[in-house]
Amino acid sequence: CLKVQGPILEKYGQPPNAQGVDLMKHSVERRVAEGSKTIEALANKARAVLGLGAMPDRTASVETILAAKVDETNARLGLAGEEELCRQCKLRIASDESSGALPSASARYLESLVGGSEVSVPSVLAMLKMAKLGHSIPSLRGDAVPSSVVVLDAPEPGAFFQRHVLPNQPAVLRGVLDASSFPPLRDFPDSDFLRRRCSDRRVLVKSLAHRDQEGRPVF
């Protein structure tokens, strides 16, 4: 293929190798993301010749795109339909309970949510992971809302994880990220430093070019 692609890649300033193919793909995707309908039409024509599907619809909302990806994943896993998803979720809860990884009370609470209209199956699975890490039922329900938020000055990681991450307790962190412990804070604002270290490197940026239902861009 590179025998045919090589001259074309060189014509547009790309190396005649696999890297050039990758760079050209990113260039096309970037131009399509920027709104070039001509490039998009040509790209889809080329994909059709190669037996590939068309590029994602740029006019679709991000919610539509994500929903389509969920459906695609479910189809690959043989989980077509909400009923099958619920069945698999209940089996997962029962398995974790029988192994001792999940308290029985938490298992009953999570089972009560499966198939309901208020909580989706993916959300129940996320709560299942939280419960296995030690979150209580009030925490899963969102009842354990603190009346105040503590301020911690450079907390020890292990203690912070046990006292705040696991019980889902918020905190304001200070003194955990400074130039001495995280040099990028010092170096990245320095343009001369970036030029010295990576001025010869090309950074590929790809935008999904989708907006959510509120019209906000999501990348």
Protein backbone atom coordinates (compact mmCIF):
# COMPACT_ATOMS: atom_id res chain seq x y z
CA CYS A 1 0.00 0.00 0.00
CA LEU A 2 2.80 2.42 0.84
CA LYS A 3 4.07 2.15 -2.73
CA VAL A 4 0.87 3.85 -3.82
CA GLN A 5 0.45 6.08 -0.76
CA GLY A 6 4.07 7.20 -0.54
CA PRO A 7 4.05 9.77 -3.39
CA ILE A 8 0.73 11.20 -2.18
CA LEU A 9 2.02 11.54 1.37
CA GLU A 10 5.18 13.29 0.16
CA LYS A 11 3.08 15.62 -2.00
CA TYR A 12 1.37 16.89 1.16
CA GLY A 13 4.53 17.12 3.25
CA GLN A 14 4.23 13.83 5.12
CA PRO A 15 6.86 11.07 5.36
CA PRO A 16 6.19 8.11 3.00
CA ASN A 17 5.78 5.58 5.79
CA ALA A 18 3.32 4.35 8.43
CA GLN A 19 3.87 7.51 10.49
CA GLY A 20 2.91 9.59 7.46
CA VAL A 21 -0.31 7.61 7.09
CA ASP A 22 -1.14 8.27 10.74
CA LEU A 23 -0.36 11.97 10.43
CA MET A 24 -2.50 12.24 7.30
CA LYS A 25 -5.41 10.55 9.10
CA HIS A 26 -5.15 13.05 11.93
CA SER A 27 -4.98 15.93 9.44
CA VAL A 28 -8.15 14.74 7.72
CA GLU A 29 -9.96 14.25 11.03
CA ARG A 30 -8.90 17.71 12.19
CA ARG A 31 -10.17 19.38 9.00
CA VAL A 32 -13.46 17.49 9.27
CA ALA A 33 -13.76 18.55 12.93
CA GLU A 34 -13.20 22.14 11.83
CA GLY A 35 -16.22 21.88 9.53
CA SER A 36 -14.87 21.06 6.06
CA LYS A 37 -17.75 19.29 4.33
CA THR A 38 -15.66 18.79 1.17
CA ILE A 39 -12.94 16.90 3.06
CA GLU A 40 -15.59 14.91 4.93
CA ALA A 41 -17.28 13.86 1.66
CA LEU A 42 -13.95 12.83 0.12
CA ALA A 43 -12.95 10.94 3.26
CA ASN A 44 -16.24 9.04 3.33
CA LYS A 45 -15.86 8.23 -0.38
CA ALA A 46 -12.40 6.79 0.28
CA ARG A 47 -13.68 4.81 3.30
CA ALA A 48 -16.48 3.36 1.16
CA VAL A 49 -13.93 2.16 -1.42
CA LEU A 50 -11.96 0.51 1.39
CA GLY A 51 -15.10 -1.14 2.75
CA LEU A 52 -15.17 1.02 5.89
CA GLY A 53 -18.14 2.76 7.47
CA ALA A 54 -18.68 6.50 7.20
CA MET A 55 -17.12 8.93 9.67
CA PRO A 56 -19.22 9.80 12.76
CA ASP A 57 -22.06 12.25 12.18
CA ARG A 58 -20.75 15.66 13.31
CA THR A 59 -24.28 17.04 13.64
CA ALA A 60 -25.29 14.50 16.29
CA SER A 61 -25.31 15.59 19.93
CA VAL A 62 -22.80 14.10 22.34
CA GLU A 63 -25.66 12.33 24.16
CA THR A 64 -26.63 10.59 20.90
CA ILE A 65 -23.03 9.57 20.24
CA LEU A 66 -22.55 8.16 23.74
CA ALA A 67 -25.87 6.30 23.59
CA ALA A 68 -24.81 4.74 20.29
CA LYS A 69 -21.50 3.63 21.82
CA VAL A 70 -23.37 2.00 24.72
CA ASP A 71 -25.61 0.15 22.25
CA GLU A 72 -22.54 -0.94 20.27
CA THR A 73 -20.83 -2.27 23.40
CA ASN A 74 -23.98 -4.10 24.49
CA ALA A 75 -24.28 -5.72 21.06
CA ARG A 76 -20.66 -6.90 21.17
CA LEU A 77 -21.21 -8.42 24.61
CA GLY A 78 -24.50 -10.00 23.62
CA LEU A 79 -26.42 -7.79 26.05
CA ALA A 80 -29.12 -6.59 23.70
CA GLY A 81 -32.09 -5.19 25.56
CA GLU A 82 -32.64 -3.69 29.00
CA GLU A 83 -33.97 -6.97 30.39
CA GLU A 84 -30.71 -8.80 29.69
CA LEU A 85 -28.67 -5.94 31.18
CA CYS A 86 -30.72 -6.12 34.36
CA ARG A 87 -30.27 -9.89 34.54
CA GLN A 88 -26.49 -9.59 34.17
CA CYS A 89 -26.38 -6.84 36.79
CA LYS A 90 -28.32 -8.96 39.32
CA LEU A 91 -26.00 -11.90 38.68
CA ARG A 92 -23.01 -9.66 39.33
CA ILE A 93 -24.49 -8.44 42.62
CA ALA A 94 -25.30 -11.99 43.72
CA SER A 95 -21.81 -13.19 42.82
CA ASP A 96 -20.11 -10.41 44.79
CA GLU A 97 -22.39 -11.05 47.77
CA SER A 98 -21.71 -14.79 47.78
CA SER A 99 -17.95 -14.20 47.61
CA GLY A 100 -18.12 -11.91 50.65
CA ALA A 101 -17.01 -8.84 48.72
CA LEU A 102 -20.40 -7.16 49.13
CA PRO A 103 -22.43 -6.83 52.38
CA SER A 104 -25.87 -8.42 52.20
CA ALA A 105 -27.64 -5.17 53.12
CA SER A 106 -25.90 -3.35 50.29
CA ALA A 107 -26.76 -6.19 47.91
CA ARG A 108 -30.46 -5.93 48.78
CA TYR A 109 -30.40 -2.16 48.27
CA LEU A 110 -28.68 -2.42 44.88
CA GLU A 111 -31.04 -5.18 43.74
CA SER A 112 -33.98 -2.91 44.56
CA LEU A 113 -32.61 -0.33 42.13
CA VAL A 114 -32.16 -2.69 39.17
CA GLY A 115 -34.91 -2.31 36.62
CA GLY A 116 -36.28 0.87 38.17
CA SER A 117 -36.84 4.10 36.31
CA GLU A 118 -34.69 6.33 38.52
CA VAL A 119 -31.27 4.63 38.31
CA SER A 120 -29.75 3.12 35.16
CA VAL A 121 -27.93 -0.22 35.12
CA PRO A 122 -24.51 1.42 34.49
CA SER A 123 -25.14 3.64 37.54
CA VAL A 124 -26.01 0.60 39.66
CA LEU A 125 -22.78 -1.09 38.56
CA ALA A 126 -20.83 2.03 39.54
CA MET A 127 -22.55 1.99 42.94
CA LEU A 128 -21.67 -1.70 43.24
CA LYS A 129 -17.98 -0.84 42.98
CA MET A 130 -18.44 1.88 45.61
CA ALA A 131 -20.19 -0.54 47.96
CA LYS A 132 -17.37 -3.08 47.59
CA LEU A 133 -14.91 -0.34 48.59
CA GLY A 134 -16.80 0.23 51.82
CA HIS A 135 -19.41 2.88 51.05
CA SER A 136 -22.44 2.59 53.33
CA ILE A 137 -26.03 2.53 52.09
CA PRO A 138 -26.66 6.16 53.21
CA SER A 139 -23.55 7.12 51.26
CA LEU A 140 -24.82 5.27 48.17
CA ARG A 141 -28.17 7.01 48.52
CA GLY A 142 -26.48 10.38 48.87
CA ASP A 143 -27.87 10.91 52.38
CA ALA A 144 -24.49 11.43 54.01
CA VAL A 145 -24.18 15.05 52.97
CA PRO A 146 -21.70 16.92 55.21
CA SER A 147 -22.69 20.19 56.87
CA SER A 148 -19.17 21.58 56.44
CA VAL A 149 -16.02 20.90 54.43
CA VAL A 150 -12.68 20.52 56.15
CA VAL A 151 -9.49 22.17 54.90
CA LEU A 152 -6.45 19.88 54.83
CA ASP A 153 -2.89 21.10 54.51
CA ALA A 154 -0.71 18.57 52.62
CA PRO A 155 -2.51 15.46 53.97
CA GLU A 156 -0.81 12.07 54.04
CA PRO A 157 -2.13 10.08 51.02
CA GLY A 158 -3.09 6.95 52.96
CA ALA A 159 -4.98 8.82 55.65
CA PHE A 160 -6.72 11.00 53.08
CA PHE A 161 -7.85 7.94 51.14
CA GLN A 162 -9.26 6.22 54.23
CA ARG A 163 -10.91 9.27 55.80
CA HIS A 164 -12.20 11.08 52.73
CA VAL A 165 -12.06 9.05 49.52
CA LEU A 166 -13.59 5.80 50.81
CA PRO A 167 -16.38 7.42 52.88
CA ASN A 168 -16.97 9.93 50.06
CA GLN A 169 -16.27 12.96 52.24
CA PRO A 170 -15.24 16.23 50.54
CA ALA A 171 -12.22 18.26 51.55
CA VAL A 172 -10.32 21.34 50.41
CA LEU A 173 -6.69 20.41 49.77
CA ARG A 174 -3.85 22.87 50.21
CA GLY A 175 -0.13 22.46 49.81
CA VAL A 176 -0.38 19.25 47.79
CA LEU A 177 0.66 20.63 44.43
CA ASP A 178 3.49 23.14 44.17
CA ALA A 179 6.50 23.72 41.94
CA SER A 180 8.80 21.68 44.19
CA SER A 181 6.62 18.54 44.13
CA PHE A 182 5.20 19.03 40.62
CA PRO A 183 7.79 20.72 38.32
CA PRO A 184 5.36 21.21 35.38
CA LEU A 185 3.74 24.01 37.39
CA ARG A 186 7.06 25.81 37.18
CA ASP A 187 8.24 24.69 33.75
CA PHE A 188 5.13 24.70 31.54
CA PRO A 189 4.46 28.47 31.74
CA ASP A 190 8.07 29.00 30.58
CA SER A 191 7.94 29.22 26.77
CA ASP A 192 11.74 29.02 26.50
CA PHE A 193 11.72 25.75 28.45
CA LEU A 194 9.11 24.24 26.11
CA ARG A 195 11.08 25.37 23.06
CA ARG A 196 14.27 23.79 24.39
CA ARG A 197 12.64 20.50 25.30
CA CYS A 198 10.06 19.84 22.60
CA SER A 199 10.06 22.50 19.88
CA ASP A 200 10.76 19.79 17.29
CA ARG A 201 7.82 17.63 18.34
CA ARG A 202 4.42 17.65 16.73
CA VAL A 203 1.40 17.47 19.00
CA LEU A 204 -1.71 15.92 17.50
CA VAL A 205 -4.97 17.39 18.75
CA LYS A 206 -8.25 15.72 17.89
CA SER A 207 -11.69 17.16 18.51
CA LEU A 208 -14.80 15.01 18.45
CA ALA A 209 -16.66 18.12 17.32
CA HIS A 210 -19.87 17.24 19.15
CA ARG A 211 -22.13 19.44 21.27
CA ASP A 212 -24.40 18.36 24.08
CA GLN A 213 -28.11 19.12 24.32
CA GLU A 214 -27.32 22.47 25.90
CA GLY A 215 -25.14 23.44 22.94
CA ARG A 216 -21.87 23.18 24.88
CA PRO A 217 -18.85 21.75 22.97
CA VAL A 218 -17.57 18.42 24.24
CA PHE A 219 -14.09 17.27 23.18
